[in-house]
Amino acid sequence: MNDLSIPVTDIAADVARIGAVLGAAGLGLEGGGVWGAHAHYLVEDGPSAVAALEAAGIGGAVSAPALIAPLRADVPGELGRMMIALASAGVQISAQYSDHHNRKVFVTADLRRAREALR
């Protein structure tokens, strides 16, 4: 799976257009949201999503591999435990969110170290 990061300025209008373009291209969103000036969405085929957005005139989209980790949502403090493990291992996270299957999505340049930290 891949994280798709897209700059946004008018959240409602930009996300409406992003959703329409990706939907027309047959690309589903598996989770994500908007924080600040960027939308982040989990997609199966990041390069195809970037290409579809570029073809529609939506520039600046970037795709990066994402780490998907199970989240025990019924355990209070589980997200804190996960983030402490990542921070203790020196893993820098550029984004984190949940997918549609109750898993955490972590965007990091060091997938290997992040996987090891969350074991």
C-alpha atoms as a PDB file:
ATOM      1  CA  MET A   1       0.000   0.000   0.000  1.00  0.00           C
ATOM      2  CA  ASN A   2       1.049   3.578  -0.592  1.00  0.00           C
ATOM      3  CA  ASP A   3       0.444   6.915   1.052  1.00  0.00           C
ATOM      4  CA  LEU A   4      -0.693   9.538  -1.424  1.00  0.00           C
ATOM      5  CA  SER A   5       0.098  13.087  -0.269  1.00  0.00           C
ATOM      6  CA  ILE A   6      -1.598  15.938  -2.139  1.00  0.00           C
ATOM      7  CA  PRO A   7      -1.358  19.674  -1.418  1.00  0.00           C
ATOM      8  CA  VAL A   8      -4.735  21.302  -0.740  1.00  0.00           C
ATOM      9  CA  THR A   9      -5.821  24.898  -0.189  1.00  0.00           C
ATOM     10  CA  ASP A  10      -9.633  24.726  -0.283  1.00  0.00           C
ATOM     11  CA  ILE A  11     -10.287  21.450   1.518  1.00  0.00           C
ATOM     12  CA  ALA A  12     -13.879  20.820   0.431  1.00  0.00           C
ATOM     13  CA  ALA A  13     -13.339  21.760  -3.209  1.00  0.00           C
ATOM     14  CA  ASP A  14      -9.904  20.155  -3.522  1.00  0.00           C
ATOM     15  CA  VAL A  15     -10.914  16.878  -1.870  1.00  0.00           C
ATOM     16  CA  ALA A  16     -14.090  16.752  -3.971  1.00  0.00           C
ATOM     17  CA  ARG A  17     -11.974  17.027  -7.116  1.00  0.00           C
ATOM     18  CA  ILE A  18      -9.363  14.529  -5.854  1.00  0.00           C
ATOM     19  CA  GLY A  19     -12.084  12.010  -5.002  1.00  0.00           C
ATOM     20  CA  ALA A  20     -13.802  12.459  -8.360  1.00  0.00           C
ATOM     21  CA  VAL A  21     -10.560  12.105 -10.334  1.00  0.00           C
ATOM     22  CA  LEU A  22      -9.391   9.011  -8.464  1.00  0.00           C
ATOM     23  CA  GLY A  23     -12.859   7.453  -8.572  1.00  0.00           C
ATOM     24  CA  ALA A  24     -13.090   7.988 -12.334  1.00  0.00           C
ATOM     25  CA  ALA A  25      -9.688   6.296 -12.646  1.00  0.00           C
ATOM     26  CA  GLY A  26     -10.985   3.297 -10.664  1.00  0.00           C
ATOM     27  CA  LEU A  27      -8.690   4.011  -7.712  1.00  0.00           C
ATOM     28  CA  GLY A  28     -10.215   3.593  -4.259  1.00  0.00           C
ATOM     29  CA  LEU A  29      -9.138   5.292  -1.047  1.00  0.00           C
ATOM     30  CA  GLU A  30      -8.471   2.944   1.867  1.00  0.00           C
ATOM     31  CA  GLY A  31      -8.249   5.577   4.589  1.00  0.00           C
ATOM     32  CA  GLY A  32      -6.786   8.988   5.252  1.00  0.00           C
ATOM     33  CA  GLY A  33      -7.746  12.583   5.762  1.00  0.00           C
ATOM     34  CA  VAL A  34      -6.552  16.171   5.578  1.00  0.00           C
ATOM     35  CA  TRP A  35      -4.137  17.842   7.975  1.00  0.00           C
ATOM     36  CA  GLY A  36      -3.035  21.384   7.379  1.00  0.00           C
ATOM     37  CA  ALA A  37      -2.154  21.930   3.759  1.00  0.00           C
ATOM     38  CA  HIS A  38      -1.960  18.249   2.730  1.00  0.00           C
ATOM     39  CA  ALA A  39      -4.403  15.440   2.148  1.00  0.00           C
ATOM     40  CA  HIS A  40      -3.067  11.935   2.836  1.00  0.00           C
ATOM     41  CA  TYR A  41      -4.824   8.867   1.477  1.00  0.00           C
ATOM     42  CA  LEU A  42      -3.938   5.196   1.454  1.00  0.00           C
ATOM     43  CA  VAL A  43      -4.065   3.744  -2.064  1.00  0.00           C
ATOM     44  CA  GLU A  44      -3.109   0.420  -3.589  1.00  0.00           C
ATOM     45  CA  ASP A  45      -1.410   1.891  -6.664  1.00  0.00           C
ATOM     46  CA  GLY A  46       0.380   5.117  -5.790  1.00  0.00           C
ATOM     47  CA  PRO A  47       2.009   5.759  -9.182  1.00  0.00           C
ATOM     48  CA  SER A  48      -1.324   5.380 -11.002  1.00  0.00           C
ATOM     49  CA  ALA A  49      -2.995   7.743  -8.523  1.00  0.00           C
ATOM     50  CA  VAL A  50      -0.284  10.378  -9.051  1.00  0.00           C
ATOM     51  CA  ALA A  51      -0.579   9.971 -12.831  1.00  0.00           C
ATOM     52  CA  ALA A  52      -4.390  10.341 -12.735  1.00  0.00           C
ATOM     53  CA  LEU A  53      -4.149  13.488 -10.624  1.00  0.00           C
ATOM     54  CA  GLU A  54      -1.462  14.997 -12.858  1.00  0.00           C
ATOM     55  CA  ALA A  55      -3.517  14.227 -15.979  1.00  0.00           C
ATOM     56  CA  ALA A  56      -6.407  16.136 -14.377  1.00  0.00           C
ATOM     57  CA  GLY A  57      -4.181  19.137 -13.657  1.00  0.00           C
ATOM     58  CA  ILE A  58      -3.753  18.426  -9.941  1.00  0.00           C
ATOM     59  CA  GLY A  59      -0.061  18.859  -9.304  1.00  0.00           C
ATOM     60  CA  GLY A  60       2.226  18.174  -6.390  1.00  0.00           C
ATOM     61  CA  ALA A  61       0.938  14.708  -5.480  1.00  0.00           C
ATOM     62  CA  VAL A  62       3.557  12.312  -4.135  1.00  0.00           C
ATOM     63  CA  SER A  63       3.271   8.592  -3.467  1.00  0.00           C
ATOM     64  CA  ALA A  64       5.369   6.755  -0.876  1.00  0.00           C
ATOM     65  CA  PRO A  65       5.257   3.234   0.537  1.00  0.00           C
ATOM     66  CA  ALA A  66       3.397   3.080   3.838  1.00  0.00           C
ATOM     67  CA  LEU A  67       3.696   0.747   6.804  1.00  0.00           C
ATOM     68  CA  ILE A  68       0.369  -0.769   7.827  1.00  0.00           C
ATOM     69  CA  ALA A  69       0.252  -2.070  11.415  1.00  0.00           C
ATOM     70  CA  PRO A  70      -2.557  -3.720  13.371  1.00  0.00           C
ATOM     71  CA  LEU A  71      -4.131  -1.443  15.972  1.00  0.00           C
ATOM     72  CA  ARG A  72      -5.736  -2.941  19.061  1.00  0.00           C
ATOM     73  CA  ALA A  73      -8.338  -0.184  19.272  1.00  0.00           C
ATOM     74  CA  ASP A  74      -9.956  -1.801  22.320  1.00  0.00           C
ATOM     75  CA  VAL A  75      -6.745  -1.337  24.339  1.00  0.00           C
ATOM     76  CA  PRO A  76      -6.454   2.129  25.884  1.00  0.00           C
ATOM     77  CA  GLY A  77      -3.039   3.642  25.176  1.00  0.00           C
ATOM     78  CA  GLU A  78      -2.281   1.418  22.186  1.00  0.00           C
ATOM     79  CA  LEU A  79      -1.456   4.329  19.871  1.00  0.00           C
ATOM     80  CA  GLY A  80       0.805   5.781  22.561  1.00  0.00           C
ATOM     81  CA  ARG A  81       2.597   2.429  22.894  1.00  0.00           C
ATOM     82  CA  MET A  82       3.153   2.280  19.150  1.00  0.00           C
ATOM     83  CA  MET A  83       4.451   5.837  18.941  1.00  0.00           C
ATOM     84  CA  ILE A  84       6.779   5.328  21.927  1.00  0.00           C
ATOM     85  CA  ALA A  85       8.235   2.248  20.214  1.00  0.00           C
ATOM     86  CA  LEU A  86       8.799   4.195  16.997  1.00  0.00           C
ATOM     87  CA  ALA A  87      10.267   7.224  18.766  1.00  0.00           C
ATOM     88  CA  SER A  88      12.549   5.038  20.905  1.00  0.00           C
ATOM     89  CA  ALA A  89      13.863   3.392  17.738  1.00  0.00           C
ATOM     90  CA  GLY A  90      14.572   6.827  16.225  1.00  0.00           C
ATOM     91  CA  VAL A  91      11.952   6.429  13.493  1.00  0.00           C
ATOM     92  CA  GLN A  92      10.750   9.724  12.039  1.00  0.00           C
ATOM     93  CA  ILE A  93       7.074   9.706  11.040  1.00  0.00           C
ATOM     94  CA  SER A  94       5.835  12.212   8.470  1.00  0.00           C
ATOM     95  CA  ALA A  95       2.168  11.172   8.740  1.00  0.00           C
ATOM     96  CA  GLN A  96       0.011   8.639  10.579  1.00  0.00           C
ATOM     97  CA  TYR A  97      -3.658   7.830  10.234  1.00  0.00           C
ATOM     98  CA  SER A  98      -6.061   4.882  10.277  1.00  0.00           C
ATOM     99  CA  ASP A  99      -7.331   2.815   7.371  1.00  0.00           C
ATOM    100  CA  HIS A 100     -10.785   1.317   6.897  1.00  0.00           C
ATOM    101  CA  HIS A 101      -9.740  -1.937   8.587  1.00  0.00           C
ATOM    102  CA  ASN A 102      -8.788  -0.524  11.997  1.00  0.00           C
ATOM    103  CA  ARG A 103      -5.071  -0.507  11.246  1.00  0.00           C
ATOM    104  CA  LYS A 104      -2.567   2.329  11.654  1.00  0.00           C
ATOM    105  CA  VAL A 105      -0.836   3.744   8.607  1.00  0.00           C
ATOM    106  CA  PHE A 106       2.642   5.153   9.146  1.00  0.00           C
ATOM    107  CA  VAL A 107       4.509   7.169   6.536  1.00  0.00           C
ATOM    108  CA  THR A 108       8.243   7.012   7.138  1.00  0.00           C
ATOM    109  CA  ALA A 109      11.447   6.911   5.135  1.00  0.00           C
ATOM    110  CA  ASP A 110      12.627   3.946   7.240  1.00  0.00           C
ATOM    111  CA  LEU A 111      10.048   1.190   6.781  1.00  0.00           C
ATOM    112  CA  ARG A 112      12.446  -1.541   7.922  1.00  0.00           C
ATOM    113  CA  ARG A 113      13.256   0.086  11.251  1.00  0.00           C
ATOM    114  CA  ALA A 114       9.599   0.998  11.814  1.00  0.00           C
ATOM    115  CA  ARG A 115       8.505  -2.626  11.216  1.00  0.00           C
ATOM    116  CA  GLU A 116      11.119  -3.873  13.669  1.00  0.00           C
ATOM    117  CA  ALA A 117      10.110  -1.329  16.320  1.00  0.00           C
ATOM    118  CA  LEU A 118       6.462  -2.406  16.173  1.00  0.00           C
ATOM    119  CA  ARG A 119       7.094  -6.155  16.515  1.00  0.00           C
END
